Amino acid sequence: MRIATVAVASAALVAAGATAAVAAPAPAPSITIKASATTVKLGDVVTFSGKVDGIKEGSKVTLQVKDGKKWVSLPATTKVSKSAYKLGDKFDKKGVEVLRVKDGSAVSKNVSVTVR
């Protein structure tokens, strides 16, 4: 009887330990984006800023522009500081530009800027 009690108690402890050791999955990294202006004149600089969650301090975020069906990284990059970023880019062609910010696999939603 004593061996059965120890075995049951041991199994319960092992099961409780295994349950406690399973951590909840970390939330997926996220990035927001906001443009300082959505309509600008040719040659104007637009500042893009946003917050990040689940991305390390000092990580590099890159501004990307949509070119047809693909995304092209622009030279505009900055590092995450205090869970936020801010960067700027100058537009040298007229039309509607669709942009986003990317860090690794995390990407922001798109934002459009009309250049006149």
N, C-alpha and C. Protein backbone atom coordinates (compact mmCIF):
# COMPACT_ATOMS: atom_id res chain seq x y z
N MET A 1 0.82 -1.18 0.00
CA MET A 1 0.00 0.00 0.00
C MET A 1 0.87 1.25 0.00
N ARG A 2 1.96 1.21 0.78
CA ARG A 2 2.83 2.36 0.87
C ARG A 2 3.50 2.66 -0.48
N ILE A 3 3.91 1.68 -1.23
CA ILE A 3 4.53 1.86 -2.53
C ILE A 3 3.53 2.50 -3.50
N ALA A 4 2.31 2.09 -3.47
CA ALA A 4 1.28 2.66 -4.35
C ALA A 4 1.04 4.12 -4.02
N THR A 5 1.04 4.49 -2.76
CA THR A 5 0.82 5.88 -2.36
C THR A 5 1.97 6.76 -2.83
N VAL A 6 3.20 6.28 -2.68
CA VAL A 6 4.38 7.03 -3.13
C VAL A 6 4.34 7.17 -4.65
N ALA A 7 3.99 6.15 -5.36
CA ALA A 7 3.93 6.20 -6.82
C ALA A 7 2.89 7.20 -7.29
N VAL A 8 1.72 7.22 -6.66
CA VAL A 8 0.67 8.15 -7.03
C VAL A 8 1.11 9.59 -6.72
N ALA A 9 1.72 9.79 -5.56
CA ALA A 9 2.20 11.12 -5.17
C ALA A 9 3.29 11.59 -6.12
N SER A 10 4.21 10.71 -6.49
CA SER A 10 5.28 11.06 -7.42
C SER A 10 4.72 11.43 -8.79
N ALA A 11 3.77 10.68 -9.26
CA ALA A 11 3.15 10.96 -10.56
C ALA A 11 2.45 12.31 -10.52
N ALA A 12 1.79 12.63 -9.42
CA ALA A 12 1.10 13.91 -9.30
C ALA A 12 2.10 15.06 -9.30
N LEU A 13 3.24 14.90 -8.62
CA LEU A 13 4.26 15.94 -8.59
C LEU A 13 4.88 16.15 -9.97
N VAL A 14 5.15 15.06 -10.66
CA VAL A 14 5.72 15.15 -12.00
C VAL A 14 4.74 15.85 -12.93
N ALA A 15 3.47 15.50 -12.85
CA ALA A 15 2.46 16.12 -13.71
C ALA A 15 2.34 17.62 -13.40
N ALA A 16 2.34 17.98 -12.13
CA ALA A 16 2.24 19.38 -11.74
C ALA A 16 3.46 20.16 -12.20
N GLY A 17 4.64 19.55 -12.07
CA GLY A 17 5.86 20.21 -12.51
C GLY A 17 5.89 20.41 -14.01
N ALA A 18 5.43 19.43 -14.75
CA ALA A 18 5.41 19.54 -16.20
C ALA A 18 4.45 20.63 -16.64
N THR A 19 3.33 20.74 -15.96
CA THR A 19 2.35 21.77 -16.31
C THR A 19 2.92 23.15 -16.01
N ALA A 20 3.59 23.31 -14.89
CA ALA A 20 4.14 24.60 -14.52
C ALA A 20 5.28 25.01 -15.44
N ALA A 21 5.99 24.04 -16.01
CA ALA A 21 7.14 24.34 -16.85
C ALA A 21 6.73 24.81 -18.24
N VAL A 22 5.51 24.57 -18.66
CA VAL A 22 5.06 24.97 -19.98
C VAL A 22 4.68 26.44 -19.93
N ALA A 23 5.44 27.27 -20.60
CA ALA A 23 5.18 28.70 -20.60
C ALA A 23 4.24 29.06 -21.74
N ALA A 24 3.48 30.09 -21.52
CA ALA A 24 2.61 30.58 -22.59
C ALA A 24 3.48 31.13 -23.71
N PRO A 25 3.08 30.93 -24.96
CA PRO A 25 3.89 31.43 -26.06
C PRO A 25 3.95 32.97 -26.02
N ALA A 26 5.11 33.48 -26.37
CA ALA A 26 5.29 34.94 -26.38
C ALA A 26 4.42 35.53 -27.49
N PRO A 27 3.86 36.72 -27.27
CA PRO A 27 3.06 37.34 -28.34
C PRO A 27 3.94 37.66 -29.54
N ALA A 28 3.35 37.62 -30.71
CA ALA A 28 4.09 37.92 -31.93
C ALA A 28 4.53 39.38 -31.90
N PRO A 29 5.74 39.69 -32.37
CA PRO A 29 6.19 41.07 -32.41
C PRO A 29 5.25 41.91 -33.28
N SER A 30 5.08 43.18 -32.91
CA SER A 30 4.21 44.05 -33.70
C SER A 30 4.84 45.44 -33.83
N ILE A 31 4.49 46.11 -34.93
CA ILE A 31 4.97 47.46 -35.21
C ILE A 31 3.78 48.28 -35.72
N THR A 32 3.66 49.52 -35.24
CA THR A 32 2.67 50.44 -35.79
C THR A 32 3.40 51.47 -36.64
N ILE A 33 2.64 52.17 -37.48
CA ILE A 33 3.23 53.21 -38.32
C ILE A 33 2.25 54.37 -38.46
N LYS A 34 2.80 55.58 -38.44
CA LYS A 34 2.01 56.79 -38.65
C LYS A 34 2.89 57.75 -39.45
N ALA A 35 2.30 58.35 -40.50
CA ALA A 35 3.02 59.32 -41.31
C ALA A 35 2.68 60.73 -40.83
N SER A 36 3.68 61.62 -40.82
CA SER A 36 3.45 63.00 -40.39
C SER A 36 2.54 63.75 -41.35
N ALA A 37 2.47 63.29 -42.60
CA ALA A 37 1.57 63.87 -43.60
C ALA A 37 1.21 62.79 -44.61
N THR A 38 0.00 62.84 -45.12
CA THR A 38 -0.41 61.84 -46.12
C THR A 38 -0.47 62.43 -47.52
N THR A 39 -0.36 63.76 -47.62
CA THR A 39 -0.26 64.44 -48.91
C THR A 39 0.87 65.45 -48.80
N VAL A 40 1.85 65.36 -49.71
CA VAL A 40 3.01 66.24 -49.66
C VAL A 40 3.37 66.72 -51.06
N LYS A 41 4.22 67.75 -51.11
CA LYS A 41 4.75 68.24 -52.37
C LYS A 41 6.00 67.45 -52.72
N LEU A 42 6.30 67.40 -53.99
CA LEU A 42 7.51 66.74 -54.47
C LEU A 42 8.72 67.29 -53.73
N GLY A 43 9.55 66.44 -53.18
CA GLY A 43 10.76 66.85 -52.46
C GLY A 43 10.57 67.04 -50.97
N ASP A 44 9.32 66.99 -50.49
CA ASP A 44 9.07 67.12 -49.06
C ASP A 44 9.51 65.87 -48.30
N VAL A 45 9.88 66.07 -47.03
CA VAL A 45 10.25 64.96 -46.16
C VAL A 45 9.05 64.59 -45.31
N VAL A 46 8.77 63.32 -45.21
CA VAL A 46 7.71 62.81 -44.36
C VAL A 46 8.37 62.02 -43.23
N THR A 47 7.91 62.26 -42.01
CA THR A 47 8.42 61.53 -40.86
C THR A 47 7.46 60.38 -40.55
N PHE A 48 8.03 59.21 -40.36
CA PHE A 48 7.24 58.03 -40.00
C PHE A 48 7.64 57.65 -38.57
N SER A 49 6.63 57.38 -37.75
CA SER A 49 6.91 57.02 -36.37
C SER A 49 5.93 55.94 -35.94
N GLY A 50 6.28 55.28 -34.85
CA GLY A 50 5.40 54.24 -34.35
C GLY A 50 5.96 53.58 -33.11
N LYS A 51 5.20 52.63 -32.63
CA LYS A 51 5.56 51.87 -31.43
C LYS A 51 5.82 50.43 -31.84
N VAL A 52 6.64 49.75 -31.05
CA VAL A 52 6.92 48.34 -31.28
C VAL A 52 6.61 47.57 -30.01
N ASP A 53 6.25 46.32 -30.18
CA ASP A 53 6.00 45.44 -29.04
C ASP A 53 6.63 44.09 -29.36
N GLY A 54 7.42 43.59 -28.44
CA GLY A 54 8.07 42.29 -28.67
C GLY A 54 9.32 42.38 -29.53
N ILE A 55 9.84 43.58 -29.71
CA ILE A 55 11.06 43.79 -30.49
C ILE A 55 12.10 44.41 -29.57
N LYS A 56 13.32 43.88 -29.60
CA LYS A 56 14.38 44.32 -28.69
C LYS A 56 14.78 45.77 -28.92
N GLU A 57 15.17 46.41 -27.82
CA GLU A 57 15.75 47.75 -27.90
C GLU A 57 17.00 47.67 -28.78
N GLY A 58 17.20 48.66 -29.62
CA GLY A 58 18.37 48.68 -30.49
C GLY A 58 18.20 47.94 -31.80
N SER A 59 17.09 47.23 -31.97
CA SER A 59 16.83 46.54 -33.24
C SER A 59 16.63 47.58 -34.34
N LYS A 60 17.01 47.22 -35.56
CA LYS A 60 16.90 48.13 -36.69
C LYS A 60 15.57 47.93 -37.40
N VAL A 61 14.84 49.03 -37.62
CA VAL A 61 13.63 49.00 -38.43
C VAL A 61 13.93 49.70 -39.75
N THR A 62 13.32 49.21 -40.81
CA THR A 62 13.58 49.71 -42.15
C THR A 62 12.28 50.12 -42.81
N LEU A 63 12.28 51.27 -43.47
CA LEU A 63 11.13 51.74 -44.24
C LEU A 63 11.15 51.03 -45.59
N GLN A 64 9.99 50.52 -46.00
CA GLN A 64 9.88 49.85 -47.28
C GLN A 64 8.77 50.49 -48.11
N VAL A 65 8.93 50.45 -49.44
CA VAL A 65 7.93 50.98 -50.36
C VAL A 65 7.49 49.83 -51.27
N LYS A 66 6.21 49.84 -51.59
CA LYS A 66 5.68 48.79 -52.47
C LYS A 66 5.97 49.16 -53.92
N ASP A 67 6.57 48.23 -54.65
CA ASP A 67 6.93 48.43 -56.05
C ASP A 67 6.27 47.29 -56.82
N GLY A 68 5.09 47.55 -57.36
CA GLY A 68 4.32 46.49 -58.01
C GLY A 68 3.81 45.53 -56.96
N LYS A 69 4.24 44.28 -57.02
CA LYS A 69 3.82 43.27 -56.04
C LYS A 69 4.87 43.02 -54.97
N LYS A 70 6.04 43.65 -55.09
CA LYS A 70 7.10 43.38 -54.12
C LYS A 70 7.39 44.61 -53.25
N TRP A 71 8.01 44.35 -52.11
CA TRP A 71 8.41 45.42 -51.19
C TRP A 71 9.90 45.66 -51.34
N VAL A 72 10.28 46.93 -51.44
CA VAL A 72 11.68 47.32 -51.61
C VAL A 72 12.11 48.12 -50.38
N SER A 73 13.21 47.72 -49.78
CA SER A 73 13.73 48.44 -48.62
C SER A 73 14.39 49.74 -49.07
N LEU A 74 14.06 50.81 -48.36
CA LEU A 74 14.65 52.12 -48.63
C LEU A 74 15.85 52.31 -47.71
N PRO A 75 16.71 53.29 -48.02
CA PRO A 75 17.87 53.53 -47.14
C PRO A 75 17.46 54.05 -45.75
N ALA A 76 16.22 54.46 -45.59
CA ALA A 76 15.76 55.02 -44.31
C ALA A 76 15.63 53.91 -43.26
N THR A 77 16.53 53.92 -42.28
CA THR A 77 16.51 52.96 -41.18
C THR A 77 16.77 53.71 -39.88
N THR A 78 16.37 53.09 -38.78
CA THR A 78 16.65 53.64 -37.47
C THR A 78 16.60 52.50 -36.46
N LYS A 79 17.03 52.79 -35.24
CA LYS A 79 17.01 51.79 -34.19
C LYS A 79 15.86 52.05 -33.22
N VAL A 80 15.30 50.96 -32.70
CA VAL A 80 14.23 51.04 -31.71
C VAL A 80 14.80 51.57 -30.40
N SER A 81 14.12 52.56 -29.84
CA SER A 81 14.51 53.12 -28.56
C SER A 81 13.25 53.36 -27.72
N LYS A 82 13.24 52.81 -26.52
CA LYS A 82 12.09 52.94 -25.61
C LYS A 82 10.80 52.47 -26.27
N SER A 83 10.89 51.34 -26.99
CA SER A 83 9.75 50.71 -27.67
C SER A 83 9.12 51.59 -28.73
N ALA A 84 9.91 52.46 -29.35
CA ALA A 84 9.40 53.34 -30.40
C ALA A 84 10.49 53.61 -31.43
N TYR A 85 10.09 54.20 -32.55
CA TYR A 85 11.04 54.58 -33.58
C TYR A 85 10.53 55.85 -34.28
N LYS A 86 11.43 56.52 -34.98
CA LYS A 86 11.08 57.67 -35.81
C LYS A 86 12.11 57.76 -36.91
N LEU A 87 11.65 57.89 -38.16
CA LEU A 87 12.56 58.05 -39.29
C LEU A 87 11.88 58.87 -40.36
N GLY A 88 12.65 59.40 -41.30
CA GLY A 88 12.09 60.23 -42.35
C GLY A 88 12.58 59.82 -43.72
N ASP A 89 11.81 60.23 -44.73
CA ASP A 89 12.21 59.97 -46.10
C ASP A 89 11.69 61.09 -46.99
N LYS A 90 12.45 61.40 -48.03
CA LYS A 90 12.09 62.44 -48.98
C LYS A 90 11.56 61.77 -50.24
N PHE A 91 10.49 62.33 -50.79
CA PHE A 91 9.87 61.73 -51.97
C PHE A 91 10.24 62.51 -53.22
N ASP A 92 10.75 61.79 -54.23
CA ASP A 92 11.23 62.44 -55.43
C ASP A 92 10.48 62.05 -56.70
N LYS A 93 9.31 61.43 -56.54
CA LYS A 93 8.47 61.18 -57.72
C LYS A 93 7.01 61.33 -57.31
N LYS A 94 6.22 61.83 -58.26
CA LYS A 94 4.80 62.07 -57.99
C LYS A 94 4.02 60.77 -58.04
N GLY A 95 2.91 60.78 -57.29
CA GLY A 95 2.04 59.62 -57.26
C GLY A 95 1.74 59.20 -55.84
N VAL A 96 1.12 58.05 -55.73
CA VAL A 96 0.79 57.50 -54.41
C VAL A 96 1.82 56.44 -54.06
N GLU A 97 2.47 56.62 -52.92
CA GLU A 97 3.46 55.66 -52.43
C GLU A 97 2.83 54.89 -51.27
N VAL A 98 2.96 53.57 -51.31
CA VAL A 98 2.48 52.72 -50.22
C VAL A 98 3.71 52.25 -49.46
N LEU A 99 3.72 52.51 -48.15
CA LEU A 99 4.91 52.23 -47.34
C LEU A 99 4.56 51.42 -46.11
N ARG A 100 5.59 50.80 -45.54
CA ARG A 100 5.47 50.07 -44.29
C ARG A 100 6.84 50.07 -43.61
N VAL A 101 6.87 49.64 -42.36
CA VAL A 101 8.12 49.50 -41.63
C VAL A 101 8.29 48.03 -41.29
N LYS A 102 9.54 47.55 -41.36
CA LYS A 102 9.81 46.13 -41.15
C LYS A 102 10.99 45.95 -40.20
N ASP A 103 10.87 44.92 -39.35
CA ASP A 103 11.97 44.46 -38.52
C ASP A 103 11.92 42.95 -38.51
N GLY A 104 12.87 42.30 -39.14
CA GLY A 104 12.83 40.84 -39.21
C GLY A 104 11.55 40.37 -39.87
N SER A 105 10.77 39.55 -39.15
CA SER A 105 9.52 39.06 -39.71
C SER A 105 8.34 39.95 -39.36
N ALA A 106 8.53 40.91 -38.47
CA ALA A 106 7.44 41.81 -38.07
C ALA A 106 7.33 42.96 -39.05
N VAL A 107 6.11 43.20 -39.52
CA VAL A 107 5.86 44.33 -40.43
C VAL A 107 4.65 45.10 -39.93
N SER A 108 4.66 46.40 -40.20
CA SER A 108 3.53 47.25 -39.83
C SER A 108 2.44 47.12 -40.90
N LYS A 109 1.30 47.72 -40.62
CA LYS A 109 0.29 47.87 -41.66
C LYS A 109 0.83 48.87 -42.67
N ASN A 110 0.15 48.99 -43.80
CA ASN A 110 0.58 49.92 -44.84
C ASN A 110 0.06 51.32 -44.54
N VAL A 111 0.80 52.32 -45.02
CA VAL A 111 0.34 53.71 -44.99
C VAL A 111 0.61 54.29 -46.37
N SER A 112 -0.31 55.11 -46.86
CA SER A 112 -0.16 55.72 -48.19
C SER A 112 0.18 57.20 -48.07
N VAL A 113 1.08 57.65 -48.94
CA VAL A 113 1.45 59.06 -49.01
C VAL A 113 1.28 59.48 -50.48
N THR A 114 0.50 60.53 -50.68
CA THR A 114 0.30 61.08 -52.03
C THR A 114 1.29 62.21 -52.23
N VAL A 115 2.09 62.10 -53.30
CA VAL A 115 3.10 63.11 -53.63
C VAL A 115 2.61 63.87 -54.85
N ARG A 116 2.48 65.20 -54.71
CA ARG A 116 1.98 66.04 -55.82
C ARG A 116 3.07 66.89 -56.41
